Amino acid sequence: MTLSPRHLFLIAGVAFALLVFWPGTRSDSTDVRAMVGDSHVVLFSAEWCGYCDRLRDELKQSATPFAEFDIEQSSTGRRAWTQLGGRGVPLTLVGDDVIAGYQPGRIPALATAAR
């Protein structure tokens, strides 16, 4: 039996979708908390990231305490970022909520609401 290129492409697409979207690929925040500590707000960033700079400044201006892990410099930060499903920076953990990207005002608001 020979598979046509179309069938091979379809099989590869389904395999890729399963790999990316399979529920077991993400960890809950409890596992990550064991790695990154107790800080209510944890910022996963990279040195070159302009949106990370903006978010860091916003957190400092709002007097929101946070821990930061550069995913390119910290192996712990990289593992935690990966377990949270990280695909870019900034990625922020606020309590048990994972916020991808830079969303002005959202993270300080979430952090304040949880206090």
N, C-alpha and C. Protein backbone atom coordinates (compact mmCIF):
# COMPACT_ATOMS: atom_id res chain seq x y z
N MET A 1 0.85 -1.18 0.00
CA MET A 1 0.00 0.00 0.00
C MET A 1 0.89 1.24 0.00
N THR A 2 0.61 2.14 -0.89
CA THR A 2 1.37 3.38 -1.00
C THR A 2 0.48 4.55 -0.61
N LEU A 3 1.03 5.42 0.22
CA LEU A 3 0.28 6.60 0.63
C LEU A 3 0.61 7.76 -0.29
N SER A 4 -0.41 8.48 -0.66
CA SER A 4 -0.20 9.65 -1.52
C SER A 4 0.41 10.78 -0.69
N PRO A 5 1.05 11.75 -1.33
CA PRO A 5 1.58 12.90 -0.59
C PRO A 5 0.50 13.61 0.22
N ARG A 6 -0.70 13.65 -0.31
CA ARG A 6 -1.80 14.30 0.40
C ARG A 6 -2.09 13.59 1.73
N HIS A 7 -2.11 12.25 1.70
CA HIS A 7 -2.36 11.49 2.93
C HIS A 7 -1.20 11.65 3.92
N LEU A 8 0.02 11.64 3.42
CA LEU A 8 1.17 11.85 4.29
C LEU A 8 1.12 13.22 4.96
N PHE A 9 0.75 14.24 4.19
CA PHE A 9 0.62 15.59 4.73
C PHE A 9 -0.46 15.63 5.81
N LEU A 10 -1.57 14.98 5.57
CA LEU A 10 -2.67 14.93 6.55
C LEU A 10 -2.23 14.23 7.83
N ILE A 11 -1.53 13.11 7.71
CA ILE A 11 -1.04 12.39 8.88
C ILE A 11 -0.05 13.24 9.67
N ALA A 12 0.87 13.90 8.95
CA ALA A 12 1.84 14.76 9.63
C ALA A 12 1.14 15.91 10.34
N GLY A 13 0.11 16.50 9.73
CA GLY A 13 -0.64 17.59 10.36
C GLY A 13 -1.35 17.15 11.63
N VAL A 14 -1.95 15.99 11.60
CA VAL A 14 -2.63 15.46 12.79
C VAL A 14 -1.62 15.17 13.89
N ALA A 15 -0.48 14.59 13.53
CA ALA A 15 0.55 14.30 14.53
C ALA A 15 1.07 15.59 15.16
N PHE A 16 1.29 16.61 14.35
CA PHE A 16 1.77 17.90 14.86
C PHE A 16 0.73 18.51 15.80
N ALA A 17 -0.54 18.49 15.40
CA ALA A 17 -1.61 19.06 16.24
C ALA A 17 -1.69 18.34 17.58
N LEU A 18 -1.56 17.02 17.57
CA LEU A 18 -1.58 16.27 18.83
C LEU A 18 -0.40 16.64 19.71
N LEU A 19 0.76 16.79 19.11
CA LEU A 19 1.95 17.16 19.88
C LEU A 19 1.80 18.53 20.52
N VAL A 20 1.29 19.49 19.78
CA VAL A 20 1.17 20.87 20.27
C VAL A 20 0.04 21.02 21.27
N PHE A 21 -1.10 20.41 21.01
CA PHE A 21 -2.29 20.67 21.81
C PHE A 21 -2.62 19.59 22.83
N TRP A 22 -1.82 18.55 22.94
CA TRP A 22 -2.09 17.48 23.90
C TRP A 22 -2.07 18.04 25.31
N PRO A 23 -3.10 17.80 26.11
CA PRO A 23 -3.18 18.40 27.45
C PRO A 23 -2.01 18.07 28.36
N GLY A 24 -1.36 16.97 28.20
CA GLY A 24 -0.28 16.59 29.08
C GLY A 24 1.00 17.39 28.88
N THR A 25 1.06 18.26 27.88
CA THR A 25 2.29 18.99 27.64
C THR A 25 2.45 20.18 28.57
N ARG A 26 1.40 20.60 29.23
CA ARG A 26 1.48 21.72 30.16
C ARG A 26 1.41 21.22 31.59
N SER A 27 2.05 21.92 32.44
CA SER A 27 2.04 21.59 33.85
C SER A 27 1.16 22.60 34.56
N ASP A 28 0.63 22.22 35.70
CA ASP A 28 -0.12 23.23 36.44
C ASP A 28 0.85 24.14 37.18
N SER A 29 0.34 25.24 37.66
CA SER A 29 1.21 26.23 38.28
C SER A 29 1.81 25.75 39.60
N THR A 30 1.24 24.69 40.21
CA THR A 30 1.80 24.16 41.45
C THR A 30 3.21 23.64 41.23
N ASP A 31 3.41 22.90 40.13
CA ASP A 31 4.74 22.39 39.81
C ASP A 31 5.71 23.54 39.56
N VAL A 32 5.25 24.56 38.87
CA VAL A 32 6.09 25.71 38.56
C VAL A 32 6.42 26.47 39.83
N ARG A 33 5.46 26.62 40.72
CA ARG A 33 5.68 27.34 41.98
C ARG A 33 6.80 26.70 42.79
N ALA A 34 6.90 25.38 42.72
CA ALA A 34 7.97 24.70 43.44
C ALA A 34 9.33 25.12 42.89
N MET A 35 9.38 25.50 41.62
CA MET A 35 10.64 25.92 40.99
C MET A 35 10.95 27.39 41.22
N VAL A 36 9.92 28.27 41.12
CA VAL A 36 10.17 29.71 41.09
C VAL A 36 9.90 30.43 42.41
N GLY A 37 9.30 29.76 43.38
CA GLY A 37 9.11 30.39 44.67
C GLY A 37 7.73 30.96 44.89
N ASP A 38 7.60 31.74 45.97
CA ASP A 38 6.30 32.19 46.46
C ASP A 38 5.83 33.53 45.92
N SER A 39 6.65 34.26 45.22
CA SER A 39 6.24 35.58 44.75
C SER A 39 4.93 35.46 43.97
N HIS A 40 3.96 36.30 44.34
CA HIS A 40 2.65 36.24 43.70
C HIS A 40 2.74 36.52 42.20
N VAL A 41 3.64 37.40 41.81
CA VAL A 41 3.84 37.76 40.40
C VAL A 41 5.24 37.31 39.98
N VAL A 42 5.30 36.49 38.93
CA VAL A 42 6.58 36.02 38.39
C VAL A 42 6.61 36.36 36.91
N LEU A 43 7.62 37.13 36.53
CA LEU A 43 7.79 37.56 35.14
C LEU A 43 8.88 36.72 34.49
N PHE A 44 8.54 36.10 33.37
CA PHE A 44 9.52 35.39 32.55
C PHE A 44 9.84 36.29 31.37
N SER A 45 11.11 36.62 31.22
CA SER A 45 11.50 37.66 30.27
C SER A 45 12.77 37.26 29.52
N ALA A 46 13.20 38.17 28.64
CA ALA A 46 14.49 38.05 27.95
C ALA A 46 15.08 39.45 27.87
N GLU A 47 16.39 39.52 27.89
CA GLU A 47 17.10 40.81 27.93
C GLU A 47 16.75 41.71 26.74
N TRP A 48 16.55 41.15 25.58
CA TRP A 48 16.32 41.90 24.35
C TRP A 48 14.86 42.32 24.16
N CYS A 49 13.96 41.89 25.04
CA CYS A 49 12.52 42.05 24.85
C CYS A 49 12.03 43.43 25.31
N GLY A 50 11.60 44.25 24.37
CA GLY A 50 11.07 45.57 24.69
C GLY A 50 9.77 45.53 25.47
N TYR A 51 8.91 44.56 25.18
CA TYR A 51 7.67 44.44 25.94
C TYR A 51 7.94 44.02 27.37
N CYS A 52 8.99 43.24 27.58
CA CYS A 52 9.40 42.86 28.94
C CYS A 52 9.82 44.11 29.71
N ASP A 53 10.57 45.00 29.04
CA ASP A 53 10.98 46.26 29.67
C ASP A 53 9.77 47.09 30.08
N ARG A 54 8.80 47.17 29.17
CA ARG A 54 7.58 47.94 29.47
C ARG A 54 6.83 47.35 30.65
N LEU A 55 6.68 46.03 30.66
CA LEU A 55 5.96 45.38 31.76
C LEU A 55 6.70 45.55 33.07
N ARG A 56 8.02 45.39 33.05
CA ARG A 56 8.84 45.57 34.26
C ARG A 56 8.66 46.98 34.81
N ASP A 57 8.71 47.99 33.92
CA ASP A 57 8.50 49.38 34.35
C ASP A 57 7.11 49.58 34.94
N GLU A 58 6.12 48.98 34.31
CA GLU A 58 4.74 49.11 34.80
C GLU A 58 4.59 48.49 36.19
N LEU A 59 5.21 47.34 36.40
CA LEU A 59 5.14 46.70 37.71
C LEU A 59 5.84 47.54 38.77
N LYS A 60 6.97 48.12 38.42
CA LYS A 60 7.69 48.97 39.37
C LYS A 60 6.90 50.24 39.68
N GLN A 61 6.30 50.86 38.66
CA GLN A 61 5.52 52.09 38.88
C GLN A 61 4.30 51.84 39.76
N SER A 62 3.70 50.66 39.62
CA SER A 62 2.52 50.35 40.43
C SER A 62 2.88 49.74 41.78
N ALA A 63 4.19 49.67 42.07
CA ALA A 63 4.69 49.11 43.34
C ALA A 63 4.23 47.67 43.54
N THR A 64 4.16 46.92 42.44
CA THR A 64 3.77 45.51 42.50
C THR A 64 5.04 44.68 42.67
N PRO A 65 5.17 43.98 43.79
CA PRO A 65 6.36 43.14 43.96
C PRO A 65 6.32 41.97 42.98
N PHE A 66 7.49 41.64 42.42
CA PHE A 66 7.54 40.53 41.47
C PHE A 66 8.93 39.90 41.48
N ALA A 67 8.96 38.64 41.06
CA ALA A 67 10.22 37.94 40.82
C ALA A 67 10.37 37.86 39.31
N GLU A 68 11.62 37.84 38.85
CA GLU A 68 11.85 37.80 37.40
C GLU A 68 12.88 36.72 37.07
N PHE A 69 12.60 36.01 35.99
CA PHE A 69 13.51 35.00 35.46
C PHE A 69 13.75 35.29 33.99
N ASP A 70 15.00 35.49 33.62
CA ASP A 70 15.38 35.63 32.22
C ASP A 70 15.49 34.21 31.67
N ILE A 71 14.64 33.86 30.71
CA ILE A 71 14.58 32.48 30.24
C ILE A 71 15.82 32.08 29.45
N GLU A 72 16.64 33.04 29.06
CA GLU A 72 17.87 32.72 28.35
C GLU A 72 19.07 32.62 29.30
N GLN A 73 18.94 33.14 30.50
CA GLN A 73 20.04 33.12 31.48
C GLN A 73 19.81 32.14 32.62
N SER A 74 18.56 31.80 32.90
CA SER A 74 18.22 30.96 34.04
C SER A 74 17.63 29.63 33.57
N SER A 75 18.30 28.54 33.89
CA SER A 75 17.77 27.22 33.50
C SER A 75 16.46 26.92 34.24
N THR A 76 16.37 27.38 35.48
CA THR A 76 15.12 27.21 36.24
C THR A 76 13.99 27.98 35.58
N GLY A 77 14.28 29.23 35.22
CA GLY A 77 13.28 30.05 34.54
C GLY A 77 12.85 29.44 33.22
N ARG A 78 13.79 28.91 32.47
CA ARG A 78 13.49 28.29 31.17
C ARG A 78 12.60 27.06 31.36
N ARG A 79 12.91 26.22 32.35
CA ARG A 79 12.09 25.02 32.60
C ARG A 79 10.67 25.42 33.03
N ALA A 80 10.56 26.40 33.92
CA ALA A 80 9.24 26.84 34.39
C ALA A 80 8.44 27.43 33.23
N TRP A 81 9.09 28.28 32.42
CA TRP A 81 8.45 28.90 31.25
C TRP A 81 7.93 27.82 30.29
N THR A 82 8.74 26.80 30.07
CA THR A 82 8.34 25.70 29.18
C THR A 82 7.15 24.95 29.75
N GLN A 83 7.18 24.67 31.06
CA GLN A 83 6.07 23.93 31.68
C GLN A 83 4.76 24.72 31.64
N LEU A 84 4.87 26.04 31.62
CA LEU A 84 3.66 26.87 31.54
C LEU A 84 3.16 27.02 30.10
N GLY A 85 3.86 26.39 29.17
CA GLY A 85 3.45 26.47 27.77
C GLY A 85 4.02 27.68 27.06
N GLY A 86 5.12 28.22 27.58
CA GLY A 86 5.72 29.42 27.02
C GLY A 86 6.08 29.29 25.56
N ARG A 87 5.71 30.32 24.81
CA ARG A 87 6.04 30.39 23.39
C ARG A 87 6.60 31.75 23.04
N GLY A 88 6.71 32.61 24.01
CA GLY A 88 7.24 33.95 23.81
C GLY A 88 7.36 34.64 25.15
N VAL A 89 7.91 35.82 25.11
CA VAL A 89 8.04 36.63 26.32
C VAL A 89 7.42 37.99 26.05
N PRO A 90 6.94 38.67 27.05
CA PRO A 90 6.86 38.24 28.44
C PRO A 90 5.76 37.20 28.65
N LEU A 91 5.99 36.36 29.61
CA LEU A 91 4.99 35.43 30.12
C LEU A 91 4.98 35.67 31.62
N THR A 92 3.80 35.87 32.18
CA THR A 92 3.72 36.24 33.59
C THR A 92 2.78 35.30 34.32
N LEU A 93 3.23 34.88 35.48
CA LEU A 93 2.42 34.06 36.37
C LEU A 93 1.94 34.96 37.50
N VAL A 94 0.62 35.11 37.62
CA VAL A 94 0.02 35.90 38.69
C VAL A 94 -0.87 34.95 39.47
N GLY A 95 -0.42 34.56 40.66
CA GLY A 95 -1.14 33.52 41.39
C GLY A 95 -1.09 32.25 40.58
N ASP A 96 -2.25 31.77 40.15
CA ASP A 96 -2.33 30.59 39.29
C ASP A 96 -2.65 30.95 37.85
N ASP A 97 -2.77 32.23 37.55
CA ASP A 97 -3.10 32.68 36.19
C ASP A 97 -1.83 32.90 35.38
N VAL A 98 -1.86 32.43 34.14
CA VAL A 98 -0.74 32.61 33.22
C VAL A 98 -1.18 33.62 32.16
N ILE A 99 -0.42 34.71 32.06
CA ILE A 99 -0.74 35.77 31.10
C ILE A 99 0.39 35.83 30.08
N ALA A 100 0.03 35.59 28.83
CA ALA A 100 1.00 35.63 27.74
C ALA A 100 1.01 37.02 27.11
N GLY A 101 2.19 37.52 26.86
CA GLY A 101 2.33 38.80 26.17
C GLY A 101 2.21 39.98 27.11
N TYR A 102 2.28 41.15 26.49
CA TYR A 102 2.18 42.41 27.24
C TYR A 102 0.77 42.94 27.10
N GLN A 103 0.08 43.03 28.22
CA GLN A 103 -1.29 43.53 28.26
C GLN A 103 -1.32 44.68 29.27
N PRO A 104 -1.15 45.90 28.78
CA PRO A 104 -1.01 47.06 29.69
C PRO A 104 -2.10 47.09 30.77
N GLY A 105 -1.65 47.22 32.00
CA GLY A 105 -2.55 47.37 33.14
C GLY A 105 -3.11 46.08 33.70
N ARG A 106 -3.11 45.01 32.95
CA ARG A 106 -3.77 43.79 33.40
C ARG A 106 -3.06 43.13 34.58
N ILE A 107 -1.75 43.01 34.52
CA ILE A 107 -1.03 42.27 35.56
C ILE A 107 -1.05 43.01 36.89
N PRO A 108 -0.77 44.33 36.94
CA PRO A 108 -0.91 45.02 38.23
C PRO A 108 -2.34 44.94 38.78
N ALA A 109 -3.34 44.99 37.89
CA ALA A 109 -4.73 44.88 38.33
C ALA A 109 -5.02 43.51 38.94
N LEU A 110 -4.55 42.45 38.30
CA LEU A 110 -4.73 41.10 38.85
C LEU A 110 -4.01 40.94 40.18
N ALA A 111 -2.80 41.47 40.25
CA ALA A 111 -2.02 41.37 41.49
C ALA A 111 -2.69 42.13 42.63
N THR A 112 -3.24 43.32 42.34
CA THR A 112 -3.93 44.11 43.34
C THR A 112 -5.22 43.45 43.79
N ALA A 113 -5.96 42.87 42.84
CA ALA A 113 -7.23 42.22 43.17
C ALA A 113 -7.02 41.02 44.08
N ALA A 114 -5.89 40.37 43.99
CA ALA A 114 -5.62 39.19 44.79
C ALA A 114 -5.16 39.49 46.21
N ARG A 115 -4.80 40.75 46.47
CA ARG A 115 -4.29 41.12 47.81
C ARG A 115 -5.38 41.17 48.83
